[in-house]
Amino acid sequence: MMALHHSFIKLVEKMETGDWIEIISILINSLLAIWIVRTVQNKLTNKRVLKDHLINEIKDIRVEYQSILNKLYKNELKPQSIPPWFKLMNIKLNDLLNVTNAKYKINQHFMNPYQLGLRDLVTQLPEFEKNYQKNLPIKLSANSQNQILQFQQKNSKLFNNLIIKINDSN
């Protein structure tokens, strides 16, 4: 061990100024590389955290829409509770879409077919209008159920497409 220490001291004594400059340069470059990697990694992590948050919000909103439609199919909804629910969902979706537009340039009206189309479809159903005044549970006819199913088949993809757009954004 002592011999190794003695050899190291001799090596250091023989080093010239150029050698010291080269060693210091290597150390500085190494520290700079570590700093750059950490900075870039933190920025990427922060971007991923935001994307994951927004994606979870989208998933939650999709679950809320599915829940209301399930209640509608089960004849558990009264007409007067539906418009306020749609207003609340519009607030949630608009807030989310404002962020995705500002951060990722995703069209703020991306979910309009779901937001406006479903609201219009449900509130214009004959069963909705018939039961609104007395606020009796809505019992959907086979035709109304088919209309809602067709709407879902056509528009459910919007949630996944929005998630994809967020993931693909820089």
N, C-alpha and C. Protein backbone atom coordinates (compact mmCIF):
# COMPACT_ATOMS: atom_id res chain seq x y z
N MET A 1 0.83 -1.18 0.00
CA MET A 1 0.00 0.00 0.00
C MET A 1 0.88 1.25 0.00
N MET A 2 1.92 1.18 0.78
CA MET A 2 2.85 2.31 0.88
C MET A 2 3.54 2.55 -0.46
N ALA A 3 3.84 1.45 -1.16
CA ALA A 3 4.52 1.57 -2.46
C ALA A 3 3.60 2.25 -3.47
N LEU A 4 2.32 1.93 -3.42
CA LEU A 4 1.35 2.54 -4.32
C LEU A 4 1.24 4.04 -4.04
N HIS A 5 1.22 4.41 -2.77
CA HIS A 5 1.15 5.81 -2.37
C HIS A 5 2.41 6.55 -2.86
N HIS A 6 3.55 5.92 -2.71
CA HIS A 6 4.83 6.53 -3.12
C HIS A 6 4.86 6.71 -4.65
N SER A 7 4.33 5.72 -5.41
CA SER A 7 4.29 5.82 -6.88
C SER A 7 3.37 6.95 -7.32
N PHE A 8 2.27 7.11 -6.62
CA PHE A 8 1.33 8.17 -6.95
C PHE A 8 1.98 9.54 -6.76
N ILE A 9 2.70 9.72 -5.67
CA ILE A 9 3.36 10.99 -5.38
C ILE A 9 4.40 11.30 -6.46
N LYS A 10 5.16 10.30 -6.90
CA LYS A 10 6.15 10.51 -7.96
C LYS A 10 5.47 10.92 -9.26
N LEU A 11 4.31 10.29 -9.55
CA LEU A 11 3.57 10.62 -10.77
C LEU A 11 3.10 12.07 -10.74
N VAL A 12 2.59 12.50 -9.61
CA VAL A 12 2.09 13.86 -9.46
C VAL A 12 3.25 14.86 -9.59
N GLU A 13 4.40 14.52 -9.05
CA GLU A 13 5.55 15.42 -9.12
C GLU A 13 6.04 15.58 -10.56
N LYS A 14 5.90 14.56 -11.40
CA LYS A 14 6.38 14.60 -12.77
C LYS A 14 5.40 15.30 -13.71
N MET A 15 4.18 15.56 -13.24
CA MET A 15 3.16 16.15 -14.11
C MET A 15 3.49 17.60 -14.41
N GLU A 16 3.24 17.96 -15.65
CA GLU A 16 3.50 19.33 -16.08
C GLU A 16 2.18 20.11 -16.07
N THR A 17 2.25 21.39 -16.33
CA THR A 17 1.09 22.27 -16.32
C THR A 17 0.03 21.81 -17.32
N GLY A 18 0.45 21.38 -18.48
CA GLY A 18 -0.48 20.90 -19.50
C GLY A 18 -1.27 19.69 -19.02
N ASP A 19 -0.58 18.80 -18.27
CA ASP A 19 -1.25 17.62 -17.72
C ASP A 19 -2.32 18.04 -16.70
N TRP A 20 -1.98 19.02 -15.86
CA TRP A 20 -2.94 19.50 -14.86
C TRP A 20 -4.14 20.15 -15.54
N ILE A 21 -3.87 20.91 -16.58
CA ILE A 21 -4.97 21.55 -17.31
C ILE A 21 -5.88 20.49 -17.92
N GLU A 22 -5.28 19.43 -18.45
CA GLU A 22 -6.07 18.34 -19.04
C GLU A 22 -6.92 17.63 -17.99
N ILE A 23 -6.36 17.37 -16.83
CA ILE A 23 -7.11 16.71 -15.74
C ILE A 23 -8.26 17.60 -15.27
N ILE A 24 -7.97 18.88 -15.08
CA ILE A 24 -9.02 19.81 -14.64
C ILE A 24 -10.11 19.90 -15.70
N SER A 25 -9.70 19.91 -16.96
CA SER A 25 -10.67 19.95 -18.05
C SER A 25 -11.57 18.71 -18.03
N ILE A 26 -11.00 17.56 -17.82
CA ILE A 26 -11.77 16.31 -17.75
C ILE A 26 -12.76 16.38 -16.57
N LEU A 27 -12.29 16.85 -15.42
CA LEU A 27 -13.16 16.97 -14.25
C LEU A 27 -14.32 17.94 -14.50
N ILE A 28 -14.00 19.09 -15.09
CA ILE A 28 -15.04 20.09 -15.37
C ILE A 28 -16.05 19.53 -16.37
N ASN A 29 -15.56 18.89 -17.42
CA ASN A 29 -16.46 18.30 -18.42
C ASN A 29 -17.34 17.21 -17.81
N SER A 30 -16.75 16.43 -16.92
CA SER A 30 -17.53 15.38 -16.25
C SER A 30 -18.63 15.98 -15.38
N LEU A 31 -18.28 17.00 -14.60
CA LEU A 31 -19.27 17.66 -13.75
C LEU A 31 -20.36 18.33 -14.60
N LEU A 32 -19.95 18.96 -15.69
CA LEU A 32 -20.90 19.59 -16.60
C LEU A 32 -21.85 18.55 -17.22
N ALA A 33 -21.31 17.41 -17.61
CA ALA A 33 -22.14 16.34 -18.18
C ALA A 33 -23.14 15.82 -17.16
N ILE A 34 -22.70 15.63 -15.93
CA ILE A 34 -23.60 15.17 -14.86
C ILE A 34 -24.71 16.19 -14.64
N TRP A 35 -24.35 17.46 -14.59
CA TRP A 35 -25.36 18.52 -14.39
C TRP A 35 -26.37 18.54 -15.53
N ILE A 36 -25.88 18.44 -16.77
CA ILE A 36 -26.78 18.46 -17.93
C ILE A 36 -27.72 17.26 -17.91
N VAL A 37 -27.20 16.10 -17.63
CA VAL A 37 -28.04 14.89 -17.58
C VAL A 37 -29.11 15.02 -16.51
N ARG A 38 -28.73 15.50 -15.34
CA ARG A 38 -29.71 15.67 -14.26
C ARG A 38 -30.78 16.70 -14.63
N THR A 39 -30.37 17.80 -15.22
CA THR A 39 -31.31 18.86 -15.60
C THR A 39 -32.29 18.35 -16.65
N VAL A 40 -31.77 17.71 -17.67
CA VAL A 40 -32.64 17.17 -18.73
C VAL A 40 -33.56 16.11 -18.16
N GLN A 41 -33.02 15.24 -17.33
CA GLN A 41 -33.83 14.17 -16.73
C GLN A 41 -34.94 14.76 -15.87
N ASN A 42 -34.65 15.80 -15.09
CA ASN A 42 -35.69 16.44 -14.27
C ASN A 42 -36.77 17.06 -15.12
N LYS A 43 -36.38 17.71 -16.22
CA LYS A 43 -37.38 18.31 -17.11
C LYS A 43 -38.26 17.24 -17.73
N LEU A 44 -37.65 16.15 -18.16
CA LEU A 44 -38.44 15.04 -18.73
C LEU A 44 -39.37 14.44 -17.69
N THR A 45 -38.89 14.30 -16.48
CA THR A 45 -39.72 13.76 -15.40
C THR A 45 -40.89 14.68 -15.13
N ASN A 46 -40.64 16.00 -15.07
CA ASN A 46 -41.72 16.95 -14.83
C ASN A 46 -42.75 16.91 -15.95
N LYS A 47 -42.30 16.81 -17.20
CA LYS A 47 -43.23 16.71 -18.33
C LYS A 47 -44.07 15.45 -18.21
N ARG A 48 -43.46 14.35 -17.82
CA ARG A 48 -44.17 13.07 -17.70
C ARG A 48 -45.19 13.14 -16.58
N VAL A 49 -44.83 13.78 -15.48
CA VAL A 49 -45.75 13.91 -14.35
C VAL A 49 -46.99 14.69 -14.78
N LEU A 50 -46.81 15.79 -15.51
CA LEU A 50 -47.94 16.58 -15.97
C LEU A 50 -48.81 15.76 -16.93
N LYS A 51 -48.18 15.08 -17.87
CA LYS A 51 -48.94 14.25 -18.81
C LYS A 51 -49.73 13.17 -18.07
N ASP A 52 -49.09 12.51 -17.11
CA ASP A 52 -49.79 11.47 -16.35
C ASP A 52 -50.96 12.04 -15.58
N HIS A 53 -50.78 13.23 -15.02
CA HIS A 53 -51.89 13.87 -14.30
C HIS A 53 -53.07 14.15 -15.24
N LEU A 54 -52.77 14.74 -16.38
CA LEU A 54 -53.84 15.07 -17.34
C LEU A 54 -54.53 13.79 -17.84
N ILE A 55 -53.76 12.78 -18.09
CA ILE A 55 -54.33 11.51 -18.56
C ILE A 55 -55.24 10.91 -17.48
N ASN A 56 -54.82 10.99 -16.24
CA ASN A 56 -55.68 10.48 -15.15
C ASN A 56 -56.97 11.29 -15.05
N GLU A 57 -56.88 12.58 -15.26
CA GLU A 57 -58.09 13.42 -15.26
C GLU A 57 -59.04 12.98 -16.37
N ILE A 58 -58.49 12.71 -17.54
CA ILE A 58 -59.32 12.24 -18.67
C ILE A 58 -59.98 10.92 -18.33
N LYS A 59 -59.23 10.02 -17.75
CA LYS A 59 -59.79 8.72 -17.37
C LYS A 59 -60.92 8.89 -16.35
N ASP A 60 -60.72 9.78 -15.38
CA ASP A 60 -61.76 10.03 -14.37
C ASP A 60 -63.02 10.59 -15.01
N ILE A 61 -62.85 11.51 -15.94
CA ILE A 61 -64.01 12.10 -16.62
C ILE A 61 -64.73 11.04 -17.44
N ARG A 62 -63.98 10.18 -18.10
CA ARG A 62 -64.59 9.10 -18.88
C ARG A 62 -65.41 8.19 -17.96
N VAL A 63 -64.89 7.88 -16.79
CA VAL A 63 -65.61 7.05 -15.82
C VAL A 63 -66.90 7.74 -15.37
N GLU A 64 -66.84 9.04 -15.17
CA GLU A 64 -68.04 9.77 -14.77
C GLU A 64 -69.11 9.73 -15.86
N TYR A 65 -68.70 9.88 -17.11
CA TYR A 65 -69.65 9.77 -18.22
C TYR A 65 -70.23 8.35 -18.29
N GLN A 66 -69.39 7.35 -18.13
CA GLN A 66 -69.87 5.97 -18.16
C GLN A 66 -70.86 5.71 -17.02
N SER A 67 -70.57 6.28 -15.88
CA SER A 67 -71.44 6.10 -14.72
C SER A 67 -72.82 6.69 -14.96
N ILE A 68 -72.87 7.90 -15.50
CA ILE A 68 -74.17 8.53 -15.74
C ILE A 68 -74.96 7.76 -16.79
N LEU A 69 -74.26 7.26 -17.80
CA LEU A 69 -74.95 6.48 -18.83
C LEU A 69 -75.47 5.15 -18.26
N ASN A 70 -74.70 4.54 -17.40
CA ASN A 70 -75.16 3.31 -16.75
C ASN A 70 -76.41 3.56 -15.91
N LYS A 71 -76.41 4.66 -15.17
CA LYS A 71 -77.60 5.02 -14.38
C LYS A 71 -78.79 5.30 -15.28
N LEU A 72 -78.52 5.90 -16.41
CA LEU A 72 -79.60 6.19 -17.36
C LEU A 72 -80.19 4.88 -17.90
N TYR A 73 -79.34 3.93 -18.24
CA TYR A 73 -79.80 2.62 -18.73
C TYR A 73 -80.58 1.86 -17.66
N LYS A 74 -80.22 2.07 -16.41
CA LYS A 74 -80.89 1.36 -15.30
C LYS A 74 -82.12 2.09 -14.78
N ASN A 75 -82.53 3.16 -15.46
CA ASN A 75 -83.70 3.95 -15.06
C ASN A 75 -83.54 4.58 -13.68
N GLU A 76 -82.32 4.98 -13.34
CA GLU A 76 -82.03 5.55 -12.03
C GLU A 76 -81.90 7.07 -12.03
N LEU A 77 -82.07 7.69 -13.20
CA LEU A 77 -81.88 9.15 -13.26
C LEU A 77 -83.20 9.88 -13.41
N LYS A 78 -83.25 11.00 -12.70
CA LYS A 78 -84.38 11.90 -12.86
C LYS A 78 -83.93 13.05 -13.76
N PRO A 79 -84.80 13.51 -14.63
CA PRO A 79 -84.40 14.50 -15.64
C PRO A 79 -83.82 15.80 -15.08
N GLN A 80 -84.33 16.28 -13.96
CA GLN A 80 -83.87 17.57 -13.46
C GLN A 80 -82.44 17.52 -12.89
N SER A 81 -81.93 16.32 -12.64
CA SER A 81 -80.54 16.20 -12.15
C SER A 81 -79.54 16.17 -13.30
N ILE A 82 -80.01 15.99 -14.52
CA ILE A 82 -79.10 15.80 -15.65
C ILE A 82 -78.46 17.11 -16.14
N PRO A 83 -79.22 18.19 -16.38
CA PRO A 83 -78.55 19.42 -16.86
C PRO A 83 -77.45 19.94 -15.93
N PRO A 84 -77.66 19.96 -14.59
CA PRO A 84 -76.56 20.41 -13.73
C PRO A 84 -75.33 19.51 -13.83
N TRP A 85 -75.57 18.21 -14.00
CA TRP A 85 -74.45 17.28 -14.13
C TRP A 85 -73.66 17.60 -15.40
N PHE A 86 -74.36 17.84 -16.50
CA PHE A 86 -73.67 18.19 -17.75
C PHE A 86 -72.89 19.50 -17.60
N LYS A 87 -73.44 20.46 -16.87
CA LYS A 87 -72.73 21.72 -16.65
C LYS A 87 -71.43 21.47 -15.88
N LEU A 88 -71.51 20.64 -14.84
CA LEU A 88 -70.33 20.31 -14.06
C LEU A 88 -69.27 19.62 -14.93
N MET A 89 -69.71 18.68 -15.75
CA MET A 89 -68.77 17.98 -16.62
C MET A 89 -68.15 18.93 -17.64
N ASN A 90 -68.94 19.87 -18.14
CA ASN A 90 -68.40 20.84 -19.08
C ASN A 90 -67.32 21.70 -18.42
N ILE A 91 -67.54 22.06 -17.18
CA ILE A 91 -66.54 22.84 -16.44
C ILE A 91 -65.25 22.03 -16.32
N LYS A 92 -65.38 20.77 -15.91
CA LYS A 92 -64.20 19.91 -15.75
C LYS A 92 -63.46 19.73 -17.08
N LEU A 93 -64.21 19.40 -18.11
CA LEU A 93 -63.58 19.17 -19.41
C LEU A 93 -62.98 20.45 -19.98
N ASN A 94 -63.68 21.57 -19.84
CA ASN A 94 -63.14 22.83 -20.36
C ASN A 94 -61.85 23.22 -19.64
N ASP A 95 -61.80 23.03 -18.33
CA ASP A 95 -60.57 23.31 -17.59
C ASP A 95 -59.43 22.44 -18.10
N LEU A 96 -59.71 21.18 -18.26
CA LEU A 96 -58.70 20.24 -18.75
C LEU A 96 -58.25 20.60 -20.17
N LEU A 97 -59.20 20.91 -21.02
CA LEU A 97 -58.88 21.25 -22.41
C LEU A 97 -58.15 22.59 -22.53
N ASN A 98 -58.42 23.51 -21.62
CA ASN A 98 -57.67 24.77 -21.60
C ASN A 98 -56.19 24.51 -21.31
N VAL A 99 -55.93 23.61 -20.39
CA VAL A 99 -54.54 23.25 -20.06
C VAL A 99 -53.88 22.54 -21.23
N THR A 100 -54.58 21.56 -21.81
CA THR A 100 -53.98 20.82 -22.92
C THR A 100 -53.76 21.72 -24.13
N ASN A 101 -54.62 22.71 -24.31
CA ASN A 101 -54.43 23.65 -25.41
C ASN A 101 -53.22 24.54 -25.15
N ALA A 102 -53.12 25.07 -23.94
CA ALA A 102 -52.01 25.96 -23.60
C ALA A 102 -50.67 25.23 -23.62
N LYS A 103 -50.67 24.02 -23.13
CA LYS A 103 -49.41 23.28 -22.98
C LYS A 103 -49.04 22.49 -24.24
N TYR A 104 -50.02 21.90 -24.90
CA TYR A 104 -49.73 20.98 -26.01
C TYR A 104 -50.41 21.37 -27.33
N LYS A 105 -51.07 22.53 -27.35
CA LYS A 105 -51.74 23.03 -28.57
C LYS A 105 -52.82 22.07 -29.09
N ILE A 106 -53.50 21.37 -28.18
CA ILE A 106 -54.61 20.49 -28.55
C ILE A 106 -55.88 21.34 -28.61
N ASN A 107 -56.63 21.18 -29.66
CA ASN A 107 -57.84 21.97 -29.89
C ASN A 107 -58.76 21.94 -28.66
N GLN A 108 -59.15 23.13 -28.21
CA GLN A 108 -60.01 23.24 -27.03
C GLN A 108 -61.39 22.63 -27.26
N HIS A 109 -61.78 22.46 -28.49
CA HIS A 109 -63.10 21.92 -28.81
C HIS A 109 -63.04 20.44 -29.16
N PHE A 110 -61.93 19.81 -28.85
CA PHE A 110 -61.70 18.42 -29.22
C PHE A 110 -62.81 17.49 -28.72
N MET A 111 -63.31 17.75 -27.52
CA MET A 111 -64.32 16.87 -26.91
C MET A 111 -65.75 17.36 -27.13
N ASN A 112 -65.94 18.40 -27.94
CA ASN A 112 -67.29 18.92 -28.18
C ASN A 112 -68.30 17.86 -28.60
N PRO A 113 -67.95 16.93 -29.48
CA PRO A 113 -68.95 15.92 -29.83
C PRO A 113 -69.49 15.19 -28.58
N TYR A 114 -68.59 14.94 -27.63
CA TYR A 114 -69.05 14.27 -26.41
C TYR A 114 -69.77 15.24 -25.49
N GLN A 115 -69.16 16.39 -25.26
CA GLN A 115 -69.75 17.37 -24.35
C GLN A 115 -71.13 17.83 -24.83
N LEU A 116 -71.20 18.32 -26.03
CA LEU A 116 -72.43 18.92 -26.54
C LEU A 116 -73.36 17.87 -27.14
N GLY A 117 -72.78 16.94 -27.88
CA GLY A 117 -73.60 15.93 -28.56
C GLY A 117 -74.37 15.05 -27.59
N LEU A 118 -73.70 14.58 -26.56
CA LEU A 118 -74.38 13.71 -25.59
C LEU A 118 -75.43 14.49 -24.81
N ARG A 119 -75.08 15.69 -24.40
CA ARG A 119 -76.05 16.52 -23.68
C ARG A 119 -77.31 16.74 -24.52
N ASP A 120 -77.11 17.11 -25.78
CA ASP A 120 -78.26 17.35 -26.65
C ASP A 120 -79.06 16.07 -26.87
N LEU A 121 -78.35 14.98 -27.07
CA LEU A 121 -79.04 13.71 -27.29
C LEU A 121 -79.92 13.34 -26.10
N VAL A 122 -79.35 13.39 -24.91
CA VAL A 122 -80.08 12.99 -23.71
C VAL A 122 -81.23 13.94 -23.41
N THR A 123 -80.98 15.24 -23.48
CA THR A 123 -82.03 16.20 -23.10
C THR A 123 -83.12 16.32 -24.15
N GLN A 124 -82.89 15.78 -25.33
CA GLN A 124 -83.93 15.81 -26.36
C GLN A 124 -84.64 14.47 -26.52
N LEU A 125 -84.31 13.52 -25.68
CA LEU A 125 -85.02 12.24 -25.72
C LEU A 125 -86.48 12.46 -25.32
N PRO A 126 -87.41 11.78 -25.96
CA PRO A 126 -88.82 11.93 -25.57
C PRO A 126 -89.06 11.58 -24.10
N GLU A 127 -88.32 10.59 -23.59
CA GLU A 127 -88.49 10.18 -22.19
C GLU A 127 -88.01 11.27 -21.23
N PHE A 128 -86.98 12.00 -21.63
CA PHE A 128 -86.48 13.10 -20.80
C PHE A 128 -87.55 14.19 -20.73
N GLU A 129 -88.02 14.60 -21.89
CA GLU A 129 -89.01 15.69 -21.96
C GLU A 129 -90.31 15.31 -21.26
N LYS A 130 -90.73 14.08 -21.44
CA LYS A 130 -91.99 13.60 -20.85
C LYS A 130 -91.95 13.63 -19.32
N ASN A 131 -90.81 13.31 -18.73
CA ASN A 131 -90.69 13.18 -17.28
C ASN A 131 -90.08 14.39 -16.58
N TYR A 132 -89.74 15.43 -17.34
CA TYR A 132 -89.02 16.56 -16.76
C TYR A 132 -89.87 17.31 -15.72
N GLN A 133 -91.09 17.66 -16.06
CA GLN A 133 -91.92 18.45 -15.15
C GLN A 133 -92.13 17.76 -13.81
N LYS A 134 -92.45 16.47 -13.83
CA LYS A 134 -92.71 15.74 -12.59
C LYS A 134 -91.44 15.15 -11.99
N ASN A 135 -90.34 15.28 -12.72
CA ASN A 135 -89.04 14.76 -12.29
C ASN A 135 -89.09 13.27 -11.92
N LEU A 136 -89.75 12.52 -12.79
CA LEU A 136 -89.84 11.06 -12.60
C LEU A 136 -88.64 10.40 -13.28
N PRO A 137 -88.21 9.24 -12.78
CA PRO A 137 -87.07 8.55 -13.39
C PRO A 137 -87.30 8.31 -14.89
N ILE A 138 -86.25 8.46 -15.64
CA ILE A 138 -86.31 8.27 -17.09
C ILE A 138 -86.23 6.78 -17.39
N LYS A 139 -87.20 6.29 -18.14
CA LYS A 139 -87.20 4.90 -18.58
C LYS A 139 -87.02 4.91 -20.09
N LEU A 140 -85.83 4.53 -20.51
CA LEU A 140 -85.49 4.61 -21.93
C LEU A 140 -86.20 3.54 -22.76
N SER A 141 -86.68 3.95 -23.90
CA SER A 141 -87.23 3.00 -24.87
C SER A 141 -86.06 2.31 -25.57
N ALA A 142 -86.36 1.24 -26.30
CA ALA A 142 -85.32 0.54 -27.05
C ALA A 142 -84.69 1.48 -28.08
N ASN A 143 -85.50 2.33 -28.69
CA ASN A 143 -84.99 3.27 -29.67
C ASN A 143 -84.02 4.26 -29.03
N SER A 144 -84.37 4.79 -27.88
CA SER A 144 -83.49 5.74 -27.19
C SER A 144 -82.19 5.06 -26.75
N GLN A 145 -82.29 3.83 -26.27
CA GLN A 145 -81.08 3.10 -25.89
C GLN A 145 -80.17 2.91 -27.10
N ASN A 146 -80.76 2.59 -28.24
CA ASN A 146 -79.96 2.42 -29.46
C ASN A 146 -79.29 3.72 -29.87
N GLN A 147 -80.00 4.83 -29.74
CA GLN A 147 -79.40 6.13 -30.09
C GLN A 147 -78.17 6.41 -29.22
N ILE A 148 -78.30 6.12 -27.93
CA ILE A 148 -77.19 6.37 -27.01
C ILE A 148 -76.03 5.41 -27.31
N LEU A 149 -76.34 4.16 -27.59
CA LEU A 149 -75.30 3.20 -27.93
C LEU A 149 -74.56 3.61 -29.20
N GLN A 150 -75.30 4.06 -30.19
CA GLN A 150 -74.67 4.52 -31.44
C GLN A 150 -73.78 5.73 -31.18
N PHE A 151 -74.26 6.62 -30.34
CA PHE A 151 -73.45 7.78 -29.97
C PHE A 151 -72.14 7.33 -29.33
N GLN A 152 -72.24 6.40 -28.39
CA GLN A 152 -71.04 5.90 -27.70
C GLN A 152 -70.09 5.22 -28.69
N GLN A 153 -70.63 4.41 -29.59
CA GLN A 153 -69.78 3.74 -30.57
C GLN A 153 -69.02 4.74 -31.42
N LYS A 154 -69.67 5.81 -31.75
CA LYS A 154 -69.07 6.82 -32.61
C LYS A 154 -68.08 7.71 -31.87
N ASN A 155 -68.33 8.01 -30.60
CA ASN A 155 -67.57 9.05 -29.92
C ASN A 155 -66.70 8.60 -28.74
N SER A 156 -66.82 7.38 -28.28
CA SER A 156 -66.02 6.94 -27.13
C SER A 156 -64.53 7.03 -27.40
N LYS A 157 -64.15 6.89 -28.65
CA LYS A 157 -62.73 6.95 -29.02
C LYS A 157 -62.10 8.30 -28.71
N LEU A 158 -62.91 9.33 -28.54
CA LEU A 158 -62.36 10.66 -28.29
C LEU A 158 -61.49 10.70 -27.04
N PHE A 159 -61.89 9.97 -26.01
CA PHE A 159 -61.09 9.96 -24.77
C PHE A 159 -59.71 9.37 -25.04
N ASN A 160 -59.67 8.23 -25.73
CA ASN A 160 -58.38 7.61 -26.05
C ASN A 160 -57.56 8.48 -27.00
N ASN A 161 -58.23 9.10 -27.96
CA ASN A 161 -57.52 9.97 -28.89
C ASN A 161 -56.90 11.17 -28.17
N LEU A 162 -57.61 11.70 -27.19
CA LEU A 162 -57.07 12.81 -26.41
C LEU A 162 -55.83 12.36 -25.61
N ILE A 163 -55.91 11.18 -25.03
CA ILE A 163 -54.77 10.63 -24.30
C ILE A 163 -53.57 10.46 -25.24
N ILE A 164 -53.82 9.95 -26.42
CA ILE A 164 -52.75 9.77 -27.41
C ILE A 164 -52.14 11.12 -27.79
N LYS A 165 -52.98 12.11 -28.03
CA LYS A 165 -52.47 13.45 -28.38
C LYS A 165 -51.59 14.01 -27.27
N ILE A 166 -51.98 13.81 -26.03
CA ILE A 166 -51.17 14.30 -24.90
C ILE A 166 -49.84 13.56 -24.87
N ASN A 167 -49.88 12.24 -25.00
CA ASN A 167 -48.65 11.45 -24.97
C ASN A 167 -47.70 11.79 -26.11
N ASP A 168 -48.26 12.09 -27.27
CA ASP A 168 -47.43 12.39 -28.45
C ASP A 168 -46.89 13.82 -28.44
N SER A 169 -47.39 14.65 -27.57
CA SER A 169 -46.95 16.06 -27.52
C SER A 169 -45.61 16.19 -26.85
N ASN A 170 -44.93 17.26 -27.21
CA ASN A 170 -43.62 17.54 -26.58
C ASN A 170 -43.77 18.36 -25.34
